[in-house]
Amino acid sequence: WTPLEGDAQAHEPGHLAEWIYLADRFRATTGIASGLPLAEMWQRVQESRLPSGFLPDRDGVTTRRLWPQTEFLKAACVMNRSDTAPGPRPSEIAAQLWESYIPPALKGGWYDQFDESSGACLSDNMPASTFYHIDSAVEACCRL
């Protein structure tokens, strides 16, 4: 569990956000705290946001897929249980995610990836694996 040295270590904010949620679910299920610095992790996730407010696929790129946004939403659900938590509210993230990635015109579908600079949709399919992320984000919101 030690980061690799140099450029070999990719930082993917979506995975960091996912670990916030997983650590919280572990605590809720077992009663055992993970010991992870969730507030520091949350701060790092927020520092990774693109100008639009979305998370990039990984540091240093301007592409943004749907699944990191769902993980950002789940982490926000964990971190925003109190009114004092910094950062966007889950409702704000959900609204932005829904408007950009899951518009009503798609009738049950979603856009998978965008380019931050141009706003262009880069995907021509809807990966089935993304549905797991969408479903678990809705479930996390329902727990609030």
N, C-alpha and C. Protein backbone atom coordinates (compact mmCIF):
# COMPACT_ATOMS: atom_id res chain seq x y z
N TRP A 1 0.80 -1.18 0.00
CA TRP A 1 0.00 0.00 0.00
C TRP A 1 0.86 1.26 0.00
N THR A 2 2.01 1.16 -0.62
CA THR A 2 2.90 2.31 -0.72
C THR A 2 2.91 2.79 -2.16
N PRO A 3 2.73 4.09 -2.39
CA PRO A 3 2.76 4.60 -3.78
C PRO A 3 4.09 4.31 -4.45
N LEU A 4 4.03 4.06 -5.75
CA LEU A 4 5.24 3.86 -6.52
C LEU A 4 5.98 5.18 -6.65
N GLU A 5 7.26 5.09 -6.84
CA GLU A 5 8.09 6.28 -6.99
C GLU A 5 8.00 6.82 -8.41
N GLY A 6 8.14 8.12 -8.55
CA GLY A 6 8.24 8.76 -9.86
C GLY A 6 6.96 8.74 -10.65
N ASP A 7 7.11 8.67 -11.97
CA ASP A 7 5.97 8.73 -12.89
C ASP A 7 5.19 7.43 -12.99
N ALA A 8 5.69 6.37 -12.36
CA ALA A 8 5.02 5.08 -12.47
C ALA A 8 3.69 5.07 -11.72
N GLN A 9 3.48 6.02 -10.83
CA GLN A 9 2.26 6.07 -10.04
C GLN A 9 1.25 7.02 -10.69
N ALA A 10 0.19 6.46 -11.25
CA ALA A 10 -0.87 7.30 -11.81
C ALA A 10 -1.84 7.66 -10.68
N HIS A 11 -2.30 8.90 -10.68
CA HIS A 11 -3.29 9.32 -9.69
C HIS A 11 -4.62 9.46 -10.40
N GLU A 12 -5.57 8.64 -10.00
CA GLU A 12 -6.90 8.68 -10.56
C GLU A 12 -7.86 9.13 -9.47
N PRO A 13 -8.31 10.37 -9.55
CA PRO A 13 -9.19 10.91 -8.51
C PRO A 13 -10.46 10.09 -8.29
N GLY A 14 -10.97 9.46 -9.33
CA GLY A 14 -12.17 8.64 -9.18
C GLY A 14 -11.94 7.46 -8.25
N HIS A 15 -10.75 6.85 -8.35
CA HIS A 15 -10.44 5.74 -7.46
C HIS A 15 -10.23 6.23 -6.03
N LEU A 16 -9.62 7.38 -5.87
CA LEU A 16 -9.45 7.94 -4.53
C LEU A 16 -10.81 8.21 -3.89
N ALA A 17 -11.73 8.77 -4.65
CA ALA A 17 -13.08 9.00 -4.16
C ALA A 17 -13.77 7.68 -3.82
N GLU A 18 -13.55 6.67 -4.64
CA GLU A 18 -14.15 5.36 -4.40
C GLU A 18 -13.66 4.78 -3.07
N TRP A 19 -12.39 4.98 -2.75
CA TRP A 19 -11.84 4.46 -1.49
C TRP A 19 -12.46 5.15 -0.28
N ILE A 20 -12.83 6.41 -0.41
CA ILE A 20 -13.52 7.09 0.68
C ILE A 20 -14.83 6.37 0.98
N TYR A 21 -15.57 6.08 -0.07
CA TYR A 21 -16.84 5.39 0.08
C TYR A 21 -16.65 3.97 0.62
N LEU A 22 -15.68 3.25 0.07
CA LEU A 22 -15.46 1.87 0.51
C LEU A 22 -15.03 1.80 1.98
N ALA A 23 -14.17 2.73 2.39
CA ALA A 23 -13.73 2.75 3.80
C ALA A 23 -14.92 3.03 4.72
N ASP A 24 -15.80 3.92 4.29
CA ASP A 24 -16.98 4.21 5.09
C ASP A 24 -17.92 3.01 5.17
N ARG A 25 -18.10 2.34 4.06
CA ARG A 25 -18.98 1.15 4.05
C ARG A 25 -18.38 0.04 4.93
N PHE A 26 -17.04 -0.09 4.91
CA PHE A 26 -16.37 -1.07 5.76
C PHE A 26 -16.67 -0.76 7.23
N ARG A 27 -16.54 0.52 7.61
CA ARG A 27 -16.81 0.93 8.99
C ARG A 27 -18.27 0.68 9.35
N ALA A 28 -19.18 1.01 8.45
CA ALA A 28 -20.61 0.83 8.71
C ALA A 28 -20.97 -0.64 8.84
N THR A 29 -20.31 -1.48 8.09
CA THR A 29 -20.61 -2.91 8.09
C THR A 29 -19.98 -3.64 9.26
N THR A 30 -18.72 -3.31 9.58
CA THR A 30 -17.97 -4.06 10.59
C THR A 30 -17.87 -3.35 11.94
N GLY A 31 -18.08 -2.03 11.94
CA GLY A 31 -17.87 -1.26 13.16
C GLY A 31 -16.40 -0.95 13.41
N ILE A 32 -15.56 -1.29 12.47
CA ILE A 32 -14.11 -1.06 12.59
C ILE A 32 -13.71 0.08 11.68
N ALA A 33 -13.06 1.09 12.25
CA ALA A 33 -12.59 2.22 11.44
C ALA A 33 -11.42 1.76 10.57
N SER A 34 -11.36 2.28 9.37
CA SER A 34 -10.31 1.88 8.43
C SER A 34 -8.96 2.49 8.78
N GLY A 35 -8.97 3.61 9.47
CA GLY A 35 -7.72 4.30 9.77
C GLY A 35 -7.24 5.16 8.62
N LEU A 36 -7.97 5.19 7.53
CA LEU A 36 -7.59 6.02 6.39
C LEU A 36 -7.91 7.48 6.67
N PRO A 37 -7.07 8.39 6.19
CA PRO A 37 -7.32 9.82 6.41
C PRO A 37 -8.36 10.36 5.43
N LEU A 38 -9.62 10.08 5.70
CA LEU A 38 -10.68 10.40 4.75
C LEU A 38 -10.76 11.88 4.43
N ALA A 39 -10.58 12.74 5.43
CA ALA A 39 -10.65 14.19 5.18
C ALA A 39 -9.54 14.63 4.23
N GLU A 40 -8.35 14.08 4.41
CA GLU A 40 -7.23 14.41 3.51
C GLU A 40 -7.49 13.86 2.10
N MET A 41 -8.03 12.67 2.04
CA MET A 41 -8.34 12.08 0.73
C MET A 41 -9.40 12.92 0.02
N TRP A 42 -10.41 13.36 0.77
CA TRP A 42 -11.48 14.18 0.21
C TRP A 42 -10.92 15.49 -0.32
N GLN A 43 -10.00 16.09 0.43
CA GLN A 43 -9.37 17.33 -0.01
C GLN A 43 -8.61 17.11 -1.32
N ARG A 44 -7.89 16.00 -1.42
CA ARG A 44 -7.13 15.69 -2.64
C ARG A 44 -8.07 15.49 -3.83
N VAL A 45 -9.18 14.83 -3.60
CA VAL A 45 -10.17 14.64 -4.67
C VAL A 45 -10.65 16.01 -5.16
N GLN A 46 -10.99 16.88 -4.25
CA GLN A 46 -11.49 18.20 -4.64
C GLN A 46 -10.43 19.02 -5.38
N GLU A 47 -9.17 18.89 -4.96
CA GLU A 47 -8.09 19.60 -5.64
C GLU A 47 -7.87 19.10 -7.07
N SER A 48 -8.35 17.92 -7.36
CA SER A 48 -8.18 17.33 -8.69
C SER A 48 -9.25 17.76 -9.68
N ARG A 49 -10.28 18.44 -9.21
CA ARG A 49 -11.41 18.80 -10.08
C ARG A 49 -10.97 19.68 -11.24
N LEU A 50 -11.62 19.47 -12.35
CA LEU A 50 -11.42 20.27 -13.55
C LEU A 50 -12.20 21.58 -13.40
N PRO A 51 -11.97 22.57 -14.28
CA PRO A 51 -12.73 23.83 -14.19
C PRO A 51 -14.25 23.65 -14.19
N SER A 52 -14.72 22.61 -14.84
CA SER A 52 -16.17 22.35 -14.88
C SER A 52 -16.70 21.82 -13.55
N GLY A 53 -15.81 21.38 -12.68
CA GLY A 53 -16.22 20.77 -11.43
C GLY A 53 -16.17 19.26 -11.46
N PHE A 54 -16.03 18.68 -12.65
CA PHE A 54 -15.93 17.24 -12.79
C PHE A 54 -14.52 16.76 -12.47
N LEU A 55 -14.38 15.45 -12.26
CA LEU A 55 -13.07 14.85 -12.04
C LEU A 55 -12.50 14.37 -13.37
N PRO A 56 -11.19 14.52 -13.57
CA PRO A 56 -10.58 13.99 -14.79
C PRO A 56 -10.42 12.47 -14.66
N ASP A 57 -10.18 11.83 -15.78
CA ASP A 57 -9.92 10.38 -15.75
C ASP A 57 -8.71 10.08 -14.89
N ARG A 58 -7.69 10.90 -15.00
CA ARG A 58 -6.49 10.81 -14.17
C ARG A 58 -5.81 12.17 -14.21
N ASP A 59 -4.91 12.41 -13.29
CA ASP A 59 -4.22 13.68 -13.27
C ASP A 59 -3.49 13.92 -14.59
N GLY A 60 -3.53 15.16 -15.04
CA GLY A 60 -2.79 15.54 -16.23
C GLY A 60 -3.52 15.35 -17.54
N VAL A 61 -4.78 14.91 -17.52
CA VAL A 61 -5.54 14.76 -18.76
C VAL A 61 -6.80 15.62 -18.68
N THR A 62 -7.39 15.89 -19.83
CA THR A 62 -8.61 16.71 -19.85
C THR A 62 -9.83 15.89 -20.23
N THR A 63 -9.69 14.58 -20.22
CA THR A 63 -10.86 13.74 -20.48
C THR A 63 -11.51 13.40 -19.15
N ARG A 64 -12.83 13.18 -19.22
CA ARG A 64 -13.57 12.86 -18.00
C ARG A 64 -14.66 11.84 -18.32
N ARG A 65 -14.55 10.70 -17.67
CA ARG A 65 -15.53 9.64 -17.85
C ARG A 65 -16.63 9.76 -16.80
N LEU A 66 -17.70 9.04 -17.01
CA LEU A 66 -18.83 9.06 -16.08
C LEU A 66 -18.51 8.39 -14.75
N TRP A 67 -17.84 7.25 -14.76
CA TRP A 67 -17.68 6.51 -13.50
C TRP A 67 -16.95 7.32 -12.43
N PRO A 68 -15.91 8.13 -12.72
CA PRO A 68 -15.31 8.91 -11.63
C PRO A 68 -16.29 9.92 -11.02
N GLN A 69 -17.22 10.39 -11.82
CA GLN A 69 -18.21 11.36 -11.29
C GLN A 69 -19.15 10.66 -10.32
N THR A 70 -19.50 9.41 -10.60
CA THR A 70 -20.37 8.68 -9.67
C THR A 70 -19.63 8.40 -8.37
N GLU A 71 -18.34 8.14 -8.45
CA GLU A 71 -17.54 7.90 -7.24
C GLU A 71 -17.39 9.21 -6.45
N PHE A 72 -17.27 10.33 -7.15
CA PHE A 72 -17.22 11.63 -6.51
C PHE A 72 -18.51 11.88 -5.74
N LEU A 73 -19.63 11.54 -6.36
CA LEU A 73 -20.93 11.69 -5.71
C LEU A 73 -21.01 10.82 -4.46
N LYS A 74 -20.58 9.58 -4.55
CA LYS A 74 -20.62 8.67 -3.40
C LYS A 74 -19.74 9.19 -2.26
N ALA A 75 -18.55 9.68 -2.59
CA ALA A 75 -17.66 10.23 -1.56
C ALA A 75 -18.29 11.46 -0.93
N ALA A 76 -18.95 12.29 -1.73
CA ALA A 76 -19.62 13.47 -1.19
C ALA A 76 -20.73 13.07 -0.22
N CYS A 77 -21.42 11.98 -0.52
CA CYS A 77 -22.46 11.49 0.39
C CYS A 77 -21.86 11.13 1.74
N VAL A 78 -20.67 10.55 1.73
CA VAL A 78 -19.99 10.20 2.98
C VAL A 78 -19.51 11.45 3.70
N MET A 79 -18.84 12.31 2.99
CA MET A 79 -18.16 13.45 3.61
C MET A 79 -19.11 14.59 3.98
N ASN A 80 -20.27 14.65 3.39
CA ASN A 80 -21.19 15.76 3.64
C ASN A 80 -22.32 15.39 4.59
N ARG A 81 -22.07 14.47 5.47
CA ARG A 81 -23.10 14.12 6.46
C ARG A 81 -23.36 15.26 7.43
N SER A 82 -22.35 16.11 7.60
CA SER A 82 -22.54 17.28 8.45
C SER A 82 -22.53 18.53 7.58
N ASP A 83 -23.11 19.57 8.06
CA ASP A 83 -23.15 20.82 7.30
C ASP A 83 -21.81 21.54 7.28
N THR A 84 -20.84 21.04 8.02
CA THR A 84 -19.55 21.71 8.10
C THR A 84 -18.52 21.16 7.12
N ALA A 85 -18.84 20.09 6.43
CA ALA A 85 -17.88 19.49 5.50
C ALA A 85 -17.63 20.42 4.32
N PRO A 86 -16.37 20.58 3.93
CA PRO A 86 -16.07 21.43 2.78
C PRO A 86 -16.43 20.73 1.46
N GLY A 87 -16.66 21.53 0.47
CA GLY A 87 -16.89 20.95 -0.86
C GLY A 87 -18.34 20.98 -1.27
N PRO A 88 -18.58 20.53 -2.48
CA PRO A 88 -19.95 20.55 -3.02
C PRO A 88 -20.86 19.56 -2.31
N ARG A 89 -22.13 19.88 -2.29
CA ARG A 89 -23.15 19.01 -1.72
C ARG A 89 -23.45 17.89 -2.72
N PRO A 90 -23.85 16.73 -2.21
CA PRO A 90 -24.21 15.63 -3.12
C PRO A 90 -25.27 16.03 -4.14
N SER A 91 -26.24 16.84 -3.72
CA SER A 91 -27.30 17.24 -4.66
C SER A 91 -26.74 18.05 -5.83
N GLU A 92 -25.72 18.87 -5.57
CA GLU A 92 -25.10 19.66 -6.63
C GLU A 92 -24.35 18.76 -7.62
N ILE A 93 -23.61 17.81 -7.08
CA ILE A 93 -22.87 16.88 -7.94
C ILE A 93 -23.84 16.05 -8.76
N ALA A 94 -24.90 15.54 -8.11
CA ALA A 94 -25.88 14.71 -8.80
C ALA A 94 -26.54 15.47 -9.94
N ALA A 95 -26.92 16.71 -9.68
CA ALA A 95 -27.58 17.51 -10.72
C ALA A 95 -26.65 17.73 -11.91
N GLN A 96 -25.42 18.07 -11.64
CA GLN A 96 -24.46 18.31 -12.73
C GLN A 96 -24.18 17.02 -13.50
N LEU A 97 -24.01 15.92 -12.77
CA LEU A 97 -23.76 14.62 -13.40
C LEU A 97 -24.93 14.23 -14.30
N TRP A 98 -26.13 14.37 -13.75
CA TRP A 98 -27.33 13.97 -14.50
C TRP A 98 -27.49 14.80 -15.77
N GLU A 99 -27.29 16.11 -15.63
CA GLU A 99 -27.46 17.01 -16.77
C GLU A 99 -26.45 16.73 -17.88
N SER A 100 -25.23 16.45 -17.52
CA SER A 100 -24.18 16.26 -18.52
C SER A 100 -24.12 14.85 -19.10
N TYR A 101 -24.20 13.86 -18.22
CA TYR A 101 -23.96 12.48 -18.64
C TYR A 101 -25.21 11.65 -18.89
N ILE A 102 -26.31 11.97 -18.24
CA ILE A 102 -27.51 11.12 -18.31
C ILE A 102 -28.74 11.97 -18.66
N PRO A 103 -28.71 12.66 -19.78
CA PRO A 103 -29.85 13.52 -20.12
C PRO A 103 -31.09 12.68 -20.48
N PRO A 104 -32.27 13.21 -20.21
CA PRO A 104 -33.51 12.49 -20.50
C PRO A 104 -33.64 12.04 -21.96
N ALA A 105 -33.05 12.78 -22.88
CA ALA A 105 -33.17 12.43 -24.29
C ALA A 105 -32.57 11.06 -24.61
N LEU A 106 -31.67 10.57 -23.77
CA LEU A 106 -31.06 9.25 -24.02
C LEU A 106 -31.96 8.10 -23.60
N LYS A 107 -33.03 8.39 -22.87
CA LYS A 107 -34.02 7.38 -22.48
C LYS A 107 -33.38 6.12 -21.90
N GLY A 108 -32.70 6.27 -20.77
CA GLY A 108 -32.12 5.12 -20.09
C GLY A 108 -30.65 4.90 -20.40
N GLY A 109 -30.07 5.74 -21.21
CA GLY A 109 -28.66 5.59 -21.54
C GLY A 109 -27.81 6.67 -20.90
N TRP A 110 -26.55 6.67 -21.24
CA TRP A 110 -25.63 7.67 -20.71
C TRP A 110 -24.48 7.89 -21.67
N TYR A 111 -23.88 9.04 -21.54
CA TYR A 111 -22.64 9.34 -22.26
C TYR A 111 -21.49 8.89 -21.36
N ASP A 112 -20.48 8.28 -21.94
CA ASP A 112 -19.40 7.74 -21.11
C ASP A 112 -18.23 8.69 -20.91
N GLN A 113 -17.86 9.46 -21.92
CA GLN A 113 -16.64 10.27 -21.79
C GLN A 113 -16.74 11.57 -22.58
N PHE A 114 -16.20 12.64 -21.98
CA PHE A 114 -16.15 13.95 -22.62
C PHE A 114 -14.72 14.48 -22.59
N ASP A 115 -14.45 15.41 -23.50
CA ASP A 115 -13.23 16.18 -23.46
C ASP A 115 -13.55 17.49 -22.76
N GLU A 116 -12.81 17.80 -21.70
CA GLU A 116 -13.07 19.01 -20.92
C GLU A 116 -12.87 20.27 -21.74
N SER A 117 -11.83 20.29 -22.56
CA SER A 117 -11.50 21.51 -23.31
C SER A 117 -12.57 21.89 -24.32
N SER A 118 -13.01 20.92 -25.09
CA SER A 118 -13.97 21.22 -26.16
C SER A 118 -15.41 20.93 -25.77
N GLY A 119 -15.60 20.11 -24.75
CA GLY A 119 -16.94 19.70 -24.36
C GLY A 119 -17.49 18.58 -25.23
N ALA A 120 -16.66 18.11 -26.17
CA ALA A 120 -17.11 17.07 -27.10
C ALA A 120 -17.25 15.72 -26.41
N CYS A 121 -18.29 14.99 -26.80
CA CYS A 121 -18.47 13.63 -26.33
C CYS A 121 -17.48 12.75 -27.08
N LEU A 122 -16.69 11.96 -26.36
CA LEU A 122 -15.66 11.13 -26.98
C LEU A 122 -16.06 9.67 -27.10
N SER A 123 -17.20 9.30 -26.54
CA SER A 123 -17.59 7.90 -26.54
C SER A 123 -18.68 7.64 -27.56
N ASP A 124 -18.64 6.44 -28.09
CA ASP A 124 -19.70 6.05 -29.01
C ASP A 124 -20.43 4.81 -28.49
N ASN A 125 -20.19 4.49 -27.21
CA ASN A 125 -20.90 3.37 -26.60
C ASN A 125 -21.18 3.67 -25.13
N MET A 126 -21.92 2.79 -24.50
CA MET A 126 -22.26 2.91 -23.08
C MET A 126 -21.77 1.64 -22.40
N PRO A 127 -20.56 1.66 -21.83
CA PRO A 127 -20.04 0.44 -21.20
C PRO A 127 -20.99 -0.09 -20.13
N ALA A 128 -21.29 -1.37 -20.20
CA ALA A 128 -22.20 -1.97 -19.23
C ALA A 128 -21.63 -1.87 -17.81
N SER A 129 -20.30 -1.88 -17.67
CA SER A 129 -19.69 -1.80 -16.34
C SER A 129 -20.01 -0.48 -15.65
N THR A 130 -20.33 0.55 -16.41
CA THR A 130 -20.66 1.85 -15.82
C THR A 130 -21.97 1.79 -15.05
N PHE A 131 -22.87 0.89 -15.44
CA PHE A 131 -24.15 0.82 -14.74
C PHE A 131 -23.98 0.51 -13.27
N TYR A 132 -23.00 -0.34 -12.92
CA TYR A 132 -22.70 -0.62 -11.51
C TYR A 132 -22.42 0.68 -10.77
N HIS A 133 -21.63 1.56 -11.36
CA HIS A 133 -21.27 2.82 -10.72
C HIS A 133 -22.50 3.72 -10.56
N ILE A 134 -23.33 3.77 -11.58
CA ILE A 134 -24.55 4.57 -11.51
C ILE A 134 -25.46 4.04 -10.40
N ASP A 135 -25.66 2.74 -10.39
CA ASP A 135 -26.54 2.12 -9.40
C ASP A 135 -26.03 2.36 -7.98
N SER A 136 -24.74 2.17 -7.75
CA SER A 136 -24.22 2.35 -6.39
C SER A 136 -24.24 3.82 -5.97
N ALA A 137 -24.14 4.75 -6.92
CA ALA A 137 -24.25 6.17 -6.58
C ALA A 137 -25.68 6.52 -6.17
N VAL A 138 -26.65 5.98 -6.88
CA VAL A 138 -28.06 6.20 -6.50
C VAL A 138 -28.30 5.62 -5.11
N GLU A 139 -27.78 4.43 -4.85
CA GLU A 139 -27.93 3.80 -3.53
C GLU A 139 -27.29 4.66 -2.43
N ALA A 140 -26.10 5.20 -2.69
CA ALA A 140 -25.42 6.06 -1.71
C ALA A 140 -26.26 7.30 -1.41
N CYS A 141 -26.86 7.86 -2.43
CA CYS A 141 -27.72 9.05 -2.24
C CYS A 141 -28.95 8.69 -1.41
N CYS A 142 -29.48 7.52 -1.61
CA CYS A 142 -30.67 7.09 -0.87
C CYS A 142 -30.36 6.89 0.61
N ARG A 143 -29.10 6.62 0.94
CA ARG A 143 -28.71 6.43 2.34
C ARG A 143 -28.67 7.75 3.12
N LEU A 144 -28.61 8.87 2.41
CA LEU A 144 -28.51 10.17 3.09
C LEU A 144 -29.73 10.47 3.94
